[in-house]
Amino acid sequence: MSHQVTGLRAWLLQRLSALYLSAYLVWALAYFSLHPVSDHAAWRALWTQPAMAIAAALLFIALLVHAWVGIRDVILDYVRPPLLRLSLLAVLWGWLLVLAVWLARILTRVTP
């Protein structure tokens, strides 16, 4: 029973993150088509708005979750030796953690 719940949770996380990624993409394409950014100062001003920062943070969280679930499922399905499977999952987890810290650093950078 616990494997079914884990599978359902992974499936739901994958679908919800895909929905957010898709919605953000549609919104960003529409927004930047209607409001083109003309210079670097306008670009920085856009990303210092709280709504844009929160939307970007949620985008990156959704992207990391989506990548974790997708790659984890591929590793669990196709890598048979348990030690290799565990090693690959640890490398994947570590890499996604490094990316998360890097993105958090970018998003929280104080602009002068």
C-alpha atoms as a PDB file:
ATOM      1  CA  MET A   1       0.000   0.000   0.000  1.00  0.00           C
ATOM      2  CA  SER A   2       2.789   2.472   0.789  1.00  0.00           C
ATOM      3  CA  HIS A   3       4.278   2.053  -2.706  1.00  0.00           C
ATOM      4  CA  GLN A   4       0.924   2.990  -4.228  1.00  0.00           C
ATOM      5  CA  VAL A   5       0.720   6.117  -2.088  1.00  0.00           C
ATOM      6  CA  THR A   6       4.298   7.054  -2.995  1.00  0.00           C
ATOM      7  CA  GLY A   7       3.538   6.473  -6.677  1.00  0.00           C
ATOM      8  CA  LEU A   8       0.379   8.569  -6.443  1.00  0.00           C
ATOM      9  CA  ARG A   9       2.261  11.351  -4.668  1.00  0.00           C
ATOM     10  CA  ALA A  10       5.009  11.329  -7.313  1.00  0.00           C
ATOM     11  CA  TRP A  11       2.427  11.311 -10.107  1.00  0.00           C
ATOM     12  CA  LEU A  12       0.555  14.219  -8.521  1.00  0.00           C
ATOM     13  CA  LEU A  13       3.752  16.237  -7.957  1.00  0.00           C
ATOM     14  CA  GLN A  14       4.793  15.644 -11.571  1.00  0.00           C
ATOM     15  CA  ARG A  15       1.410  16.779 -12.920  1.00  0.00           C
ATOM     16  CA  LEU A  16       1.082  19.818 -10.652  1.00  0.00           C
ATOM     17  CA  SER A  17       4.593  21.002 -11.440  1.00  0.00           C
ATOM     18  CA  ALA A  18       3.946  20.493 -15.168  1.00  0.00           C
ATOM     19  CA  LEU A  19       0.760  22.548 -14.904  1.00  0.00           C
ATOM     20  CA  TYR A  20       2.581  25.412 -13.193  1.00  0.00           C
ATOM     21  CA  LEU A  21       5.463  25.292 -15.670  1.00  0.00           C
ATOM     22  CA  SER A  22       3.010  25.355 -18.580  1.00  0.00           C
ATOM     23  CA  ALA A  23       0.928  28.167 -17.098  1.00  0.00           C
ATOM     24  CA  TYR A  24       4.039  30.238 -16.389  1.00  0.00           C
ATOM     25  CA  LEU A  25       5.308  29.709 -19.930  1.00  0.00           C
ATOM     26  CA  VAL A  26       1.996  30.843 -21.452  1.00  0.00           C
ATOM     27  CA  TRP A  27       1.852  33.834 -19.111  1.00  0.00           C
ATOM     28  CA  ALA A  28       5.483  34.827 -19.791  1.00  0.00           C
ATOM     29  CA  LEU A  29       5.047  34.588 -23.559  1.00  0.00           C
ATOM     30  CA  ALA A  30       1.902  36.723 -23.402  1.00  0.00           C
ATOM     31  CA  TYR A  31       3.403  39.243 -20.969  1.00  0.00           C
ATOM     32  CA  PHE A  32       6.654  39.762 -22.869  1.00  0.00           C
ATOM     33  CA  SER A  33       4.799  39.942 -26.186  1.00  0.00           C
ATOM     34  CA  LEU A  34       2.624  42.752 -24.836  1.00  0.00           C
ATOM     35  CA  HIS A  35       5.309  44.445 -22.688  1.00  0.00           C
ATOM     36  CA  PRO A  36       8.720  44.064 -24.324  1.00  0.00           C
ATOM     37  CA  VAL A  37      11.634  44.929 -22.069  1.00  0.00           C
ATOM     38  CA  SER A  38      13.751  47.615 -23.681  1.00  0.00           C
ATOM     39  CA  ASP A  39      16.887  47.759 -21.543  1.00  0.00           C
ATOM     40  CA  HIS A  40      18.720  46.238 -18.604  1.00  0.00           C
ATOM     41  CA  ALA A  41      17.328  48.726 -16.072  1.00  0.00           C
ATOM     42  CA  ALA A  42      13.755  47.839 -17.066  1.00  0.00           C
ATOM     43  CA  TRP A  43      14.608  44.129 -16.839  1.00  0.00           C
ATOM     44  CA  ARG A  44      16.022  44.545 -13.313  1.00  0.00           C
ATOM     45  CA  ALA A  45      13.044  46.661 -12.263  1.00  0.00           C
ATOM     46  CA  LEU A  46      10.685  43.970 -13.513  1.00  0.00           C
ATOM     47  CA  TRP A  47      12.356  41.235 -11.451  1.00  0.00           C
ATOM     48  CA  THR A  48      12.504  43.307  -8.255  1.00  0.00           C
ATOM     49  CA  GLN A  49       8.705  43.351  -8.094  1.00  0.00           C
ATOM     50  CA  PRO A  50       7.545  40.935  -5.369  1.00  0.00           C
ATOM     51  CA  ALA A  51       4.992  39.195  -7.592  1.00  0.00           C
ATOM     52  CA  MET A  52       7.603  38.459 -10.239  1.00  0.00           C
ATOM     53  CA  ALA A  53      10.128  37.240  -7.663  1.00  0.00           C
ATOM     54  CA  ILE A  54       7.559  34.912  -6.081  1.00  0.00           C
ATOM     55  CA  ALA A  55       6.415  33.619  -9.481  1.00  0.00           C
ATOM     56  CA  ALA A  56      10.041  32.962 -10.470  1.00  0.00           C
ATOM     57  CA  ALA A  57      10.771  31.205  -7.172  1.00  0.00           C
ATOM     58  CA  LEU A  58       7.714  28.985  -7.658  1.00  0.00           C
ATOM     59  CA  LEU A  59       8.823  28.326 -11.238  1.00  0.00           C
ATOM     60  CA  PHE A  60      12.223  27.099 -10.106  1.00  0.00           C
ATOM     61  CA  ILE A  61      10.735  25.013  -7.284  1.00  0.00           C
ATOM     62  CA  ALA A  62       8.328  23.416  -9.762  1.00  0.00           C
ATOM     63  CA  LEU A  63      11.185  22.800 -12.191  1.00  0.00           C
ATOM     64  CA  LEU A  64      13.339  21.128  -9.528  1.00  0.00           C
ATOM     65  CA  VAL A  65      10.440  18.974  -8.308  1.00  0.00           C
ATOM     66  CA  HIS A  66       9.548  18.022 -11.868  1.00  0.00           C
ATOM     67  CA  ALA A  67      13.151  17.076 -12.615  1.00  0.00           C
ATOM     68  CA  TRP A  68      13.501  15.089  -9.378  1.00  0.00           C
ATOM     69  CA  VAL A  69      10.372  13.019  -9.947  1.00  0.00           C
ATOM     70  CA  GLY A  70      11.063  12.409 -13.635  1.00  0.00           C
ATOM     71  CA  ILE A  71      14.717  11.454 -13.372  1.00  0.00           C
ATOM     72  CA  ARG A  72      14.132   9.508 -10.150  1.00  0.00           C
ATOM     73  CA  ASP A  73      11.474   7.410 -11.882  1.00  0.00           C
ATOM     74  CA  VAL A  74      13.775   6.696 -14.823  1.00  0.00           C
ATOM     75  CA  ILE A  75      16.574   5.648 -12.453  1.00  0.00           C
ATOM     76  CA  LEU A  76      14.240   3.458 -10.378  1.00  0.00           C
ATOM     77  CA  ASP A  77      12.798   1.819 -13.493  1.00  0.00           C
ATOM     78  CA  TYR A  78      15.972   1.163 -15.477  1.00  0.00           C
ATOM     79  CA  VAL A  79      18.943   0.946 -13.106  1.00  0.00           C
ATOM     80  CA  ARG A  80      19.024  -2.524 -11.565  1.00  0.00           C
ATOM     81  CA  PRO A  81      22.103  -2.793  -9.329  1.00  0.00           C
ATOM     82  CA  PRO A  82      20.972  -1.355  -5.969  1.00  0.00           C
ATOM     83  CA  LEU A  83      24.285   0.322  -5.165  1.00  0.00           C
ATOM     84  CA  LEU A  84      24.428   2.031  -8.566  1.00  0.00           C
ATOM     85  CA  ARG A  85      20.784   3.080  -8.212  1.00  0.00           C
ATOM     86  CA  LEU A  86      21.422   4.568  -4.783  1.00  0.00           C
ATOM     87  CA  SER A  87      24.564   6.310  -5.991  1.00  0.00           C
ATOM     88  CA  LEU A  88      22.782   7.857  -8.968  1.00  0.00           C
ATOM     89  CA  LEU A  89      19.906   9.024  -6.769  1.00  0.00           C
ATOM     90  CA  ALA A  90      22.382  10.595  -4.341  1.00  0.00           C
ATOM     91  CA  VAL A  91      24.195  12.375  -7.183  1.00  0.00           C
ATOM     92  CA  LEU A  92      20.878  13.592  -8.594  1.00  0.00           C
ATOM     93  CA  TRP A  93      19.720  14.816  -5.181  1.00  0.00           C
ATOM     94  CA  GLY A  94      23.022  16.588  -4.592  1.00  0.00           C
ATOM     95  CA  TRP A  95      22.999  18.225  -8.016  1.00  0.00           C
ATOM     96  CA  LEU A  96      19.418  19.461  -7.597  1.00  0.00           C
ATOM     97  CA  LEU A  97      20.327  20.780  -4.145  1.00  0.00           C
ATOM     98  CA  VAL A  98      23.273  22.698  -5.615  1.00  0.00           C
ATOM     99  CA  LEU A  99      20.949  24.155  -8.258  1.00  0.00           C
ATOM    100  CA  ALA A 100      18.385  25.111  -5.601  1.00  0.00           C
ATOM    101  CA  VAL A 101      20.996  26.934  -3.519  1.00  0.00           C
ATOM    102  CA  TRP A 102      22.335  28.677  -6.603  1.00  0.00           C
ATOM    103  CA  LEU A 103      18.841  29.788  -7.653  1.00  0.00           C
ATOM    104  CA  ALA A 104      18.015  30.964  -4.133  1.00  0.00           C
ATOM    105  CA  ARG A 105      21.192  33.019  -4.148  1.00  0.00           C
ATOM    106  CA  ILE A 106      20.255  34.597  -7.466  1.00  0.00           C
ATOM    107  CA  LEU A 107      16.677  35.336  -6.386  1.00  0.00           C
ATOM    108  CA  THR A 108      17.663  36.845  -3.046  1.00  0.00           C
ATOM    109  CA  ARG A 109      20.509  38.975  -4.355  1.00  0.00           C
ATOM    110  CA  VAL A 110      20.076  42.520  -3.135  1.00  0.00           C
ATOM    111  CA  THR A 111      20.097  45.021  -5.967  1.00  0.00           C
ATOM    112  CA  PRO A 112      21.630  48.443  -5.306  1.00  0.00           C
END
